[in-house]
């Protein structure tokens, strides 16, 4: 089993997931006053099909919760994850949930 680690690369405005020390994917964001707006999530081709995108989504949402911020899920992957995982929907304001059909 691969050693999976997460980092917040603030300089590049993205969370990264690493598998055995290699960059496997990332989730880009913009920092707003009280929210993180997620704009793009990507798993690199060599790492697709291993569930790393979902693990990354869970990690970034857990981190937003710790920060006490809310989420604006412009990224379709993050929006889709939120639709499937109602335990995170409290991180999305009601007006934003309506806008993104969450």
PDB file of N, CA and C in Angstrom:
ATOM      1  N   UNK A   1       0.841  -1.187   0.000  1.00  0.00           N
ATOM      2  CA  UNK A   1       0.000   0.000   0.000  1.00  0.00           C
ATOM      3  C   UNK A   1       0.886   1.249   0.000  1.00  0.00           C
ATOM      4  N   UNK A   2       0.491   2.211  -0.782  1.00  0.00           N
ATOM      5  CA  UNK A   2       1.275   3.438  -0.941  1.00  0.00           C
ATOM      6  C   UNK A   2       1.170   4.315   0.309  1.00  0.00           C
ATOM      7  N   UNK A   3       2.223   5.077   0.560  1.00  0.00           N
ATOM      8  CA  UNK A   3       2.238   6.063   1.633  1.00  0.00           C
ATOM      9  C   UNK A   3       1.647   7.351   1.067  1.00  0.00           C
ATOM     10  N   UNK A   4       0.471   7.739   1.579  1.00  0.00           N
ATOM     11  CA  UNK A   4      -0.243   8.918   1.080  1.00  0.00           C
ATOM     12  C   UNK A   4      -0.046  10.080   2.052  1.00  0.00           C
ATOM     13  N   UNK A   5       0.363  11.244   1.516  1.00  0.00           N
ATOM     14  CA  UNK A   5       0.518  12.440   2.330  1.00  0.00           C
ATOM     15  C   UNK A   5      -0.175  13.618   1.634  1.00  0.00           C
ATOM     16  N   UNK A   6      -0.529  14.607   2.439  1.00  0.00           N
ATOM     17  CA  UNK A   6      -1.193  15.814   1.944  1.00  0.00           C
ATOM     18  C   UNK A   6      -0.375  17.022   2.345  1.00  0.00           C
ATOM     19  N   UNK A   7      -0.347  18.018   1.479  1.00  0.00           N
ATOM     20  CA  UNK A   7       0.287  19.297   1.811  1.00  0.00           C
ATOM     21  C   UNK A   7      -0.596  20.426   1.287  1.00  0.00           C
ATOM     22  N   UNK A   8      -0.490  21.568   1.938  1.00  0.00           N
ATOM     23  CA  UNK A   8      -1.146  22.772   1.445  1.00  0.00           C
ATOM     24  C   UNK A   8      -0.035  23.645   0.880  1.00  0.00           C
ATOM     25  N   UNK A   9       0.081  23.672  -0.423  1.00  0.00           N
ATOM     26  CA  UNK A   9       1.091  24.477  -1.097  1.00  0.00           C
ATOM     27  C   UNK A   9       0.506  25.883  -1.294  1.00  0.00           C
ATOM     28  N   UNK A  10       0.613  26.701  -0.237  1.00  0.00           N
ATOM     29  CA  UNK A  10      -0.004  28.031  -0.241  1.00  0.00           C
ATOM     30  C   UNK A  10       0.547  28.925  -1.356  1.00  0.00           C
ATOM     31  N   UNK A  11       1.807  28.741  -1.699  1.00  0.00           N
ATOM     32  CA  UNK A  11       2.416  29.549  -2.763  1.00  0.00           C
ATOM     33  C   UNK A  11       1.713  29.333  -4.104  1.00  0.00           C
ATOM     34  N   UNK A  12       1.300  28.081  -4.369  1.00  0.00           N
ATOM     35  CA  UNK A  12       0.608  27.756  -5.623  1.00  0.00           C
ATOM     36  C   UNK A  12      -0.913  27.749  -5.455  1.00  0.00           C
ATOM     37  N   UNK A  13      -1.397  28.073  -4.257  1.00  0.00           N
ATOM     38  CA  UNK A  13      -2.832  28.067  -3.962  1.00  0.00           C
ATOM     39  C   UNK A  13      -3.455  26.718  -4.296  1.00  0.00           C
ATOM     40  N   UNK A  14      -2.836  25.663  -3.746  1.00  0.00           N
ATOM     41  CA  UNK A  14      -3.419  24.346  -3.979  1.00  0.00           C
ATOM     42  C   UNK A  14      -3.010  23.370  -2.877  1.00  0.00           C
ATOM     43  N   UNK A  15      -3.937  22.474  -2.608  1.00  0.00           N
ATOM     44  CA  UNK A  15      -3.634  21.327  -1.770  1.00  0.00           C
ATOM     45  C   UNK A  15      -3.076  20.258  -2.699  1.00  0.00           C
ATOM     46  N   UNK A  16      -2.119  19.498  -2.198  1.00  0.00           N
ATOM     47  CA  UNK A  16      -1.512  18.440  -3.011  1.00  0.00           C
ATOM     48  C   UNK A  16      -1.614  17.114  -2.280  1.00  0.00           C
ATOM     49  N   UNK A  17      -1.765  16.044  -3.047  1.00  0.00           N
ATOM     50  CA  UNK A  17      -1.715  14.695  -2.513  1.00  0.00           C
ATOM     51  C   UNK A  17      -0.511  14.014  -3.145  1.00  0.00           C
ATOM     52  N   UNK A  18       0.274  13.337  -2.295  1.00  0.00           N
ATOM     53  CA  UNK A  18       1.471  12.639  -2.753  1.00  0.00           C
ATOM     54  C   UNK A  18       1.328  11.154  -2.448  1.00  0.00           C
ATOM     55  N   UNK A  19       1.759  10.339  -3.370  1.00  0.00           N
ATOM     56  CA  UNK A  19       1.771   8.893  -3.201  1.00  0.00           C
ATOM     57  C   UNK A  19       3.221   8.439  -3.256  1.00  0.00           C
ATOM     58  N   UNK A  20       3.692   7.870  -2.151  1.00  0.00           N
ATOM     59  CA  UNK A  20       5.099   7.459  -2.047  1.00  0.00           C
ATOM     60  C   UNK A  20       6.051   8.586  -2.457  1.00  0.00           C
ATOM     61  N   UNK A  21       5.717   9.797  -2.022  1.00  0.00           N
ATOM     62  CA  UNK A  21       6.584  10.948  -2.256  1.00  0.00           C
ATOM     63  C   UNK A  21       6.419  11.626  -3.606  1.00  0.00           C
ATOM     64  N   UNK A  22       5.599  11.064  -4.480  1.00  0.00           N
ATOM     65  CA  UNK A  22       5.396  11.659  -5.806  1.00  0.00           C
ATOM     66  C   UNK A  22       4.074  12.418  -5.839  1.00  0.00           C
ATOM     67  N   UNK A  23       4.078  13.590  -6.478  1.00  0.00           N
ATOM     68  CA  UNK A  23       2.841  14.336  -6.647  1.00  0.00           C
ATOM     69  C   UNK A  23       1.852  13.481  -7.435  1.00  0.00           C
ATOM     70  N   UNK A  24       0.676  13.251  -6.844  1.00  0.00           N
ATOM     71  CA  UNK A  24      -0.337  12.417  -7.487  1.00  0.00           C
ATOM     72  C   UNK A  24      -1.547  13.232  -7.933  1.00  0.00           C
ATOM     73  N   UNK A  25      -1.737  14.408  -7.326  1.00  0.00           N
ATOM     74  CA  UNK A  25      -2.874  15.232  -7.693  1.00  0.00           C
ATOM     75  C   UNK A  25      -2.891  16.507  -6.881  1.00  0.00           C
ATOM     76  N   UNK A  26      -3.856  17.370  -7.210  1.00  0.00           N
ATOM     77  CA  UNK A  26      -3.946  18.647  -6.511  1.00  0.00           C
ATOM     78  C   UNK A  26      -5.356  19.201  -6.620  1.00  0.00           C
ATOM     79  N   UNK A  27      -5.654  20.128  -5.717  1.00  0.00           N
ATOM     80  CA  UNK A  27      -6.939  20.824  -5.680  1.00  0.00           C
ATOM     81  C   UNK A  27      -6.634  22.308  -5.521  1.00  0.00           C
ATOM     82  N   UNK A  28      -6.896  23.085  -6.566  1.00  0.00           N
ATOM     83  CA  UNK A  28      -6.574  24.512  -6.564  1.00  0.00           C
ATOM     84  C   UNK A  28      -7.683  25.309  -5.898  1.00  0.00           C
ATOM     85  N   UNK A  29      -7.294  26.403  -5.249  1.00  0.00           N
ATOM     86  CA  UNK A  29      -8.262  27.232  -4.545  1.00  0.00           C
ATOM     87  C   UNK A  29      -7.868  28.703  -4.580  1.00  0.00           C
ATOM     88  N   UNK A  30      -8.863  29.543  -4.322  1.00  0.00           N
ATOM     89  CA  UNK A  30      -8.663  30.974  -4.089  1.00  0.00           C
ATOM     90  C   UNK A  30      -9.087  31.246  -2.657  1.00  0.00           C
ATOM     91  N   UNK A  31      -8.332  32.075  -1.970  1.00  0.00           N
ATOM     92  CA  UNK A  31      -8.646  32.434  -0.593  1.00  0.00           C
ATOM     93  C   UNK A  31      -9.510  33.691  -0.588  1.00  0.00           C
ATOM     94  N   UNK A  32     -10.668  33.577   0.050  1.00  0.00           N
ATOM     95  CA  UNK A  32     -11.550  34.716   0.235  1.00  0.00           C
ATOM     96  C   UNK A  32     -11.584  35.033   1.733  1.00  0.00           C
ATOM     97  N   UNK A  33     -12.242  36.103   2.115  1.00  0.00           N
ATOM     98  CA  UNK A  33     -12.249  36.521   3.510  1.00  0.00           C
ATOM     99  C   UNK A  33     -12.696  35.401   4.443  1.00  0.00           C
ATOM    100  N   UNK A  34     -13.823  34.763   4.134  1.00  0.00           N
ATOM    101  CA  UNK A  34     -14.361  33.740   5.024  1.00  0.00           C
ATOM    102  C   UNK A  34     -14.584  32.405   4.325  1.00  0.00           C
ATOM    103  N   UNK A  35     -13.928  32.211   3.197  1.00  0.00           N
ATOM    104  CA  UNK A  35     -14.163  30.990   2.423  1.00  0.00           C
ATOM    105  C   UNK A  35     -12.940  30.606   1.601  1.00  0.00           C
ATOM    106  N   UNK A  36     -12.940  29.341   1.184  1.00  0.00           N
ATOM    107  CA  UNK A  36     -12.016  28.884   0.150  1.00  0.00           C
ATOM    108  C   UNK A  36     -12.875  28.533  -1.056  1.00  0.00           C
ATOM    109  N   UNK A  37     -12.530  29.093  -2.197  1.00  0.00           N
ATOM    110  CA  UNK A  37     -13.226  28.786  -3.440  1.00  0.00           C
ATOM    111  C   UNK A  37     -12.373  27.777  -4.203  1.00  0.00           C
ATOM    112  N   UNK A  38     -12.883  26.552  -4.300  1.00  0.00           N
ATOM    113  CA  UNK A  38     -12.155  25.501  -5.011  1.00  0.00           C
ATOM    114  C   UNK A  38     -12.485  25.596  -6.490  1.00  0.00           C
ATOM    115  N   UNK A  39     -11.435  25.672  -7.323  1.00  0.00           N
ATOM    116  CA  UNK A  39     -11.624  25.945  -8.742  1.00  0.00           C
ATOM    117  C   UNK A  39     -11.275  24.778  -9.663  1.00  0.00           C
ATOM    118  N   UNK A  40     -10.411  23.869  -9.210  1.00  0.00           N
ATOM    119  CA  UNK A  40      -9.990  22.772 -10.087  1.00  0.00           C
ATOM    120  C   UNK A  40      -9.350  21.672  -9.252  1.00  0.00           C
ATOM    121  N   UNK A  41      -9.734  20.441  -9.531  1.00  0.00           N
ATOM    122  CA  UNK A  41      -9.116  19.269  -8.901  1.00  0.00           C
ATOM    123  C   UNK A  41      -8.648  18.351 -10.009  1.00  0.00           C
ATOM    124  N   UNK A  42      -7.446  17.819  -9.837  1.00  0.00           N
ATOM    125  CA  UNK A  42      -6.880  16.940 -10.861  1.00  0.00           C
ATOM    126  C   UNK A  42      -6.058  15.844 -10.206  1.00  0.00           C
ATOM    127  N   UNK A  43      -6.262  14.611 -10.678  1.00  0.00           N
ATOM    128  CA  UNK A  43      -5.403  13.492 -10.312  1.00  0.00           C
ATOM    129  C   UNK A  43      -4.573  13.190 -11.551  1.00  0.00           C
ATOM    130  N   UNK A  44      -3.272  13.106 -11.389  1.00  0.00           N
ATOM    131  CA  UNK A  44      -2.394  12.862 -12.531  1.00  0.00           C
ATOM    132  C   UNK A  44      -2.676  11.477 -13.121  1.00  0.00           C
ATOM    133  N   UNK A  45      -2.559  11.327 -14.446  1.00  0.00           N
ATOM    134  CA  UNK A  45      -2.953  10.088 -15.117  1.00  0.00           C
ATOM    135  C   UNK A  45      -2.372   8.806 -14.501  1.00  0.00           C
ATOM    136  N   UNK A  46      -1.140   8.820 -14.082  1.00  0.00           N
ATOM    137  CA  UNK A  46      -0.514   7.607 -13.525  1.00  0.00           C
ATOM    138  C   UNK A  46      -1.152   7.162 -12.212  1.00  0.00           C
ATOM    139  N   UNK A  47      -1.952   8.045 -11.587  1.00  0.00           N
ATOM    140  CA  UNK A  47      -2.531   7.748 -10.279  1.00  0.00           C
ATOM    141  C   UNK A  47      -4.058   7.647 -10.307  1.00  0.00           C
ATOM    142  N   UNK A  48      -4.648   7.720 -11.500  1.00  0.00           N
ATOM    143  CA  UNK A  48      -6.099   7.639 -11.614  1.00  0.00           C
ATOM    144  C   UNK A  48      -6.602   6.257 -11.201  1.00  0.00           C
ATOM    145  N   UNK A  49      -7.844   6.210 -10.743  1.00  0.00           N
ATOM    146  CA  UNK A  49      -8.481   4.945 -10.403  1.00  0.00           C
ATOM    147  C   UNK A  49      -8.092   4.374  -9.053  1.00  0.00           C
ATOM    148  N   UNK A  50      -7.422   5.150  -8.220  1.00  0.00           N
ATOM    149  CA  UNK A  50      -6.986   4.665  -6.911  1.00  0.00           C
ATOM    150  C   UNK A  50      -7.752   5.331  -5.765  1.00  0.00           C
ATOM    151  N   UNK A  51      -8.743   6.147  -6.089  1.00  0.00           N
ATOM    152  CA  UNK A  51      -9.527   6.828  -5.067  1.00  0.00           C
ATOM    153  C   UNK A  51      -8.833   8.032  -4.463  1.00  0.00           C
ATOM    154  N   UNK A  52      -7.759   8.492  -5.093  1.00  0.00           N
ATOM    155  CA  UNK A  52      -7.000   9.604  -4.531  1.00  0.00           C
ATOM    156  C   UNK A  52      -7.749  10.931  -4.616  1.00  0.00           C
ATOM    157  N   UNK A  53      -8.561  11.112  -5.643  1.00  0.00           N
ATOM    158  CA  UNK A  53      -9.344  12.340  -5.755  1.00  0.00           C
ATOM    159  C   UNK A  53     -10.306  12.483  -4.586  1.00  0.00           C
ATOM    160  N   UNK A  54     -10.975  11.400  -4.233  1.00  0.00           N
ATOM    161  CA  UNK A  54     -11.903  11.427  -3.097  1.00  0.00           C
ATOM    162  C   UNK A  54     -11.170  11.640  -1.787  1.00  0.00           C
ATOM    163  N   UNK A  55     -10.024  11.029  -1.644  1.00  0.00           N
ATOM    164  CA  UNK A  55      -9.237  11.243  -0.418  1.00  0.00           C
ATOM    165  C   UNK A  55      -8.789  12.693  -0.306  1.00  0.00           C
ATOM    166  N   UNK A  56      -8.413  13.273  -1.436  1.00  0.00           N
ATOM    167  CA  UNK A  56      -8.007  14.678  -1.449  1.00  0.00           C
ATOM    168  C   UNK A  56      -9.196  15.579  -1.106  1.00  0.00           C
ATOM    169  N   UNK A  57     -10.358  15.302  -1.689  1.00  0.00           N
ATOM    170  CA  UNK A  57     -11.552  16.100  -1.404  1.00  0.00           C
ATOM    171  C   UNK A  57     -11.894  16.049   0.081  1.00  0.00           C
ATOM    172  N   UNK A  58     -11.864  14.874   0.663  1.00  0.00           N
ATOM    173  CA  UNK A  58     -12.148  14.730   2.094  1.00  0.00           C
ATOM    174  C   UNK A  58     -11.147  15.544   2.912  1.00  0.00           C
ATOM    175  N   UNK A  59      -9.882  15.463   2.557  1.00  0.00           N
ATOM    176  CA  UNK A  59      -8.847  16.197   3.289  1.00  0.00           C
ATOM    177  C   UNK A  59      -9.075  17.705   3.221  1.00  0.00           C
ATOM    178  N   UNK A  60      -9.344  18.232   2.027  1.00  0.00           N
ATOM    179  CA  UNK A  60      -9.485  19.688   1.911  1.00  0.00           C
ATOM    180  C   UNK A  60     -10.725  20.174   2.655  1.00  0.00           C
ATOM    181  N   UNK A  61     -11.806  19.407   2.609  1.00  0.00           N
ATOM    182  CA  UNK A  61     -13.015  19.811   3.323  1.00  0.00           C
ATOM    183  C   UNK A  61     -12.816  19.734   4.835  1.00  0.00           C
ATOM    184  N   UNK A  62     -12.117  18.718   5.303  1.00  0.00           N
ATOM    185  CA  UNK A  62     -11.791  18.639   6.732  1.00  0.00           C
ATOM    186  C   UNK A  62     -10.947  19.835   7.156  1.00  0.00           C
ATOM    187  N   UNK A  63     -10.014  20.240   6.300  1.00  0.00           N
ATOM    188  CA  UNK A  63      -9.153  21.370   6.628  1.00  0.00           C
ATOM    189  C   UNK A  63      -9.949  22.679   6.662  1.00  0.00           C
ATOM    190  N   UNK A  64     -10.877  22.849   5.743  1.00  0.00           N
ATOM    191  CA  UNK A  64     -11.724  24.040   5.745  1.00  0.00           C
ATOM    192  C   UNK A  64     -12.529  24.087   7.046  1.00  0.00           C
ATOM    193  N   UNK A  65     -13.032  22.939   7.474  1.00  0.00           N
ATOM    194  CA  UNK A  65     -13.801  22.880   8.718  1.00  0.00           C
ATOM    195  C   UNK A  65     -12.941  23.341   9.901  1.00  0.00           C
ATOM    196  N   UNK A  66     -11.701  22.869   9.969  1.00  0.00           N
ATOM    197  CA  UNK A  66     -10.788  23.255  11.044  1.00  0.00           C
ATOM    198  C   UNK A  66     -10.538  24.767  11.018  1.00  0.00           C
ATOM    199  N   UNK A  67     -10.444  25.335   9.835  1.00  0.00           N
ATOM    200  CA  UNK A  67     -10.202  26.775   9.686  1.00  0.00           C
ATOM    201  C   UNK A  67     -11.425  27.624  10.024  1.00  0.00           C
ATOM    202  N   UNK A  68     -12.589  26.990  10.122  1.00  0.00           N
ATOM    203  CA  UNK A  68     -13.809  27.739  10.414  1.00  0.00           C
ATOM    204  C   UNK A  68     -14.312  28.563   9.242  1.00  0.00           C
ATOM    205  N   UNK A  69     -13.946  28.144   8.036  1.00  0.00           N
ATOM    206  CA  UNK A  69     -14.381  28.862   6.830  1.00  0.00           C
ATOM    207  C   UNK A  69     -15.475  28.067   6.134  1.00  0.00           C
ATOM    208  N   UNK A  70     -15.980  28.618   5.056  1.00  0.00           N
ATOM    209  CA  UNK A  70     -16.925  27.855   4.254  1.00  0.00           C
ATOM    210  C   UNK A  70     -16.363  27.653   2.845  1.00  0.00           C
ATOM    211  N   UNK A  71     -17.082  26.855   2.071  1.00  0.00           N
ATOM    212  CA  UNK A  71     -16.612  26.397   0.764  1.00  0.00           C
ATOM    213  C   UNK A  71     -17.473  26.981  -0.345  1.00  0.00           C
ATOM    214  N   UNK A  72     -16.807  27.387  -1.422  1.00  0.00           N
ATOM    215  CA  UNK A  72     -17.494  27.729  -2.661  1.00  0.00           C
ATOM    216  C   UNK A  72     -16.971  26.734  -3.703  1.00  0.00           C
ATOM    217  N   UNK A  73     -17.803  25.739  -4.067  1.00  0.00           N
ATOM    218  CA  UNK A  73     -17.338  24.628  -4.906  1.00  0.00           C
ATOM    219  C   UNK A  73     -17.488  24.877  -6.408  1.00  0.00           C
ATOM    220  N   UNK A  74     -16.696  25.806  -6.943  1.00  0.00           N
ATOM    221  CA  UNK A  74     -16.717  26.050  -8.387  1.00  0.00           C
ATOM    222  C   UNK A  74     -16.230  24.797  -9.127  1.00  0.00           C
ATOM    223  N   UNK A  75     -15.286  24.103  -8.546  1.00  0.00           N
ATOM    224  CA  UNK A  75     -14.766  22.852  -9.122  1.00  0.00           C
ATOM    225  C   UNK A  75     -15.863  21.788  -9.104  1.00  0.00           C
ATOM    226  N   UNK A  76     -16.145  21.206 -10.261  1.00  0.00           N
ATOM    227  CA  UNK A  76     -17.206  20.205 -10.364  1.00  0.00           C
ATOM    228  C   UNK A  76     -16.904  18.945  -9.551  1.00  0.00           C
ATOM    229  N   UNK A  77     -15.650  18.603  -9.393  1.00  0.00           N
ATOM    230  CA  UNK A  77     -15.311  17.413  -8.597  1.00  0.00           C
ATOM    231  C   UNK A  77     -15.670  17.637  -7.131  1.00  0.00           C
ATOM    232  N   UNK A  78     -15.305  18.807  -6.592  1.00  0.00           N
ATOM    233  CA  UNK A  78     -15.621  19.114  -5.201  1.00  0.00           C
ATOM    234  C   UNK A  78     -17.136  19.232  -5.027  1.00  0.00           C
ATOM    235  N   UNK A  79     -17.809  19.871  -5.962  1.00  0.00           N
ATOM    236  CA  UNK A  79     -19.274  19.979  -5.892  1.00  0.00           C
ATOM    237  C   UNK A  79     -19.906  18.586  -5.894  1.00  0.00           C
ATOM    238  N   UNK A  80     -19.416  17.709  -6.749  1.00  0.00           N
ATOM    239  CA  UNK A  80     -19.935  16.343  -6.806  1.00  0.00           C
ATOM    240  C   UNK A  80     -19.680  15.575  -5.515  1.00  0.00           C
ATOM    241  N   UNK A  81     -18.510  15.769  -4.936  1.00  0.00           N
ATOM    242  CA  UNK A  81     -18.190  15.118  -3.663  1.00  0.00           C
ATOM    243  C   UNK A  81     -19.155  15.604  -2.582  1.00  0.00           C
ATOM    244  N   UNK A  82     -19.424  16.893  -2.550  1.00  0.00           N
ATOM    245  CA  UNK A  82     -20.358  17.445  -1.568  1.00  0.00           C
ATOM    246  C   UNK A  82     -21.765  16.881  -1.754  1.00  0.00           C
ATOM    247  N   UNK A  83     -22.189  16.664  -2.981  1.00  0.00           N
ATOM    248  CA  UNK A  83     -23.516  16.089  -3.232  1.00  0.00           C
ATOM    249  C   UNK A  83     -23.601  14.673  -2.682  1.00  0.00           C
ATOM    250  N   UNK A  84     -22.510  13.927  -2.751  1.00  0.00           N
ATOM    251  CA  UNK A  84     -22.487  12.536  -2.288  1.00  0.00           C
ATOM    252  C   UNK A  84     -22.219  12.397  -0.795  1.00  0.00           C
ATOM    253  N   UNK A  85     -21.734  13.456  -0.160  1.00  0.00           N
ATOM    254  CA  UNK A  85     -21.345  13.392   1.252  1.00  0.00           C
ATOM    255  C   UNK A  85     -22.023  14.516   2.033  1.00  0.00           C
ATOM    256  N   UNK A  86     -23.273  14.297   2.429  1.00  0.00           N
ATOM    257  CA  UNK A  86     -24.043  15.341   3.107  1.00  0.00           C
ATOM    258  C   UNK A  86     -23.429  15.806   4.432  1.00  0.00           C
ATOM    259  N   UNK A  87     -22.536  15.022   5.000  1.00  0.00           N
ATOM    260  CA  UNK A  87     -21.892  15.422   6.253  1.00  0.00           C
ATOM    261  C   UNK A  87     -21.014  16.667   6.087  1.00  0.00           C
ATOM    262  N   UNK A  88     -20.728  17.054   4.847  1.00  0.00           N
ATOM    263  CA  UNK A  88     -19.920  18.252   4.589  1.00  0.00           C
ATOM    264  C   UNK A  88     -20.751  19.433   4.097  1.00  0.00           C
ATOM    265  N   UNK A  89     -22.032  19.239   3.869  1.00  0.00           N
ATOM    266  CA  UNK A  89     -22.846  20.296   3.285  1.00  0.00           C
ATOM    267  C   UNK A  89     -22.977  21.520   4.180  1.00  0.00           C
ATOM    268  N   UNK A  90     -22.753  21.362   5.484  1.00  0.00           N
ATOM    269  CA  UNK A  90     -22.803  22.525   6.375  1.00  0.00           C
ATOM    270  C   UNK A  90     -21.671  23.511   6.087  1.00  0.00           C
ATOM    271  N   UNK A  91     -20.665  23.085   5.331  1.00  0.00           N
ATOM    272  CA  UNK A  91     -19.559  23.975   4.969  1.00  0.00           C
ATOM    273  C   UNK A  91     -19.930  24.920   3.830  1.00  0.00           C
ATOM    274  N   UNK A  92     -21.083  24.667   3.219  1.00  0.00           N
ATOM    275  CA  UNK A  92     -21.520  25.466   2.069  1.00  0.00           C
ATOM    276  C   UNK A  92     -22.750  26.273   2.483  1.00  0.00           C
ATOM    277  N   UNK A  93     -22.659  27.581   2.363  1.00  0.00           N
ATOM    278  CA  UNK A  93     -23.813  28.419   2.700  1.00  0.00           C
ATOM    279  C   UNK A  93     -25.020  28.025   1.853  1.00  0.00           C
ATOM    280  N   UNK A  94     -26.199  28.226   2.393  1.00  0.00           N
ATOM    281  CA  UNK A  94     -27.421  27.807   1.707  1.00  0.00           C
ATOM    282  C   UNK A  94     -27.568  28.420   0.311  1.00  0.00           C
ATOM    283  N   UNK A  95     -27.269  29.713   0.165  1.00  0.00           N
ATOM    284  CA  UNK A  95     -27.401  30.350  -1.150  1.00  0.00           C
ATOM    285  C   UNK A  95     -26.427  29.734  -2.154  1.00  0.00           C
ATOM    286  N   UNK A  96     -25.259  29.351  -1.681  1.00  0.00           N
ATOM    287  CA  UNK A  96     -24.265  28.725  -2.560  1.00  0.00           C
ATOM    288  C   UNK A  96     -24.686  27.291  -2.885  1.00  0.00           C
ATOM    289  N   UNK A  97     -25.270  26.594  -1.914  1.00  0.00           N
ATOM    290  CA  UNK A  97     -25.793  25.234  -2.180  1.00  0.00           C
ATOM    291  C   UNK A  97     -26.814  25.282  -3.302  1.00  0.00           C
ATOM    292  N   UNK A  98     -27.704  26.267  -3.243  1.00  0.00           N
ATOM    293  CA  UNK A  98     -28.716  26.393  -4.310  1.00  0.00           C
ATOM    294  C   UNK A  98     -28.054  26.661  -5.659  1.00  0.00           C
ATOM    295  N   UNK A  99     -27.080  27.554  -5.671  1.00  0.00           N
ATOM    296  CA  UNK A  99     -26.419  27.932  -6.927  1.00  0.00           C
ATOM    297  C   UNK A  99     -25.711  26.748  -7.582  1.00  0.00           C
ATOM    298  N   UNK A 100     -25.126  25.859  -6.738  1.00  0.00           N
ATOM    299  CA  UNK A 100     -24.370  24.716  -7.257  1.00  0.00           C
ATOM    300  C   UNK A 100     -25.124  23.396  -7.158  1.00  0.00           C
ATOM    301  N   UNK A 101     -26.427  23.487  -6.806  1.00  0.00           N
ATOM    302  CA  UNK A 101     -27.316  22.310  -6.723  1.00  0.00           C
ATOM    303  C   UNK A 101     -26.741  21.228  -5.808  1.00  0.00           C
ATOM    304  N   UNK A 102     -26.384  21.673  -4.614  1.00  0.00           N
ATOM    305  CA  UNK A 102     -25.832  20.761  -3.607  1.00  0.00           C
ATOM    306  C   UNK A 102     -26.881  20.535  -2.536  1.00  0.00           C
TER     307      UNK A 102
END
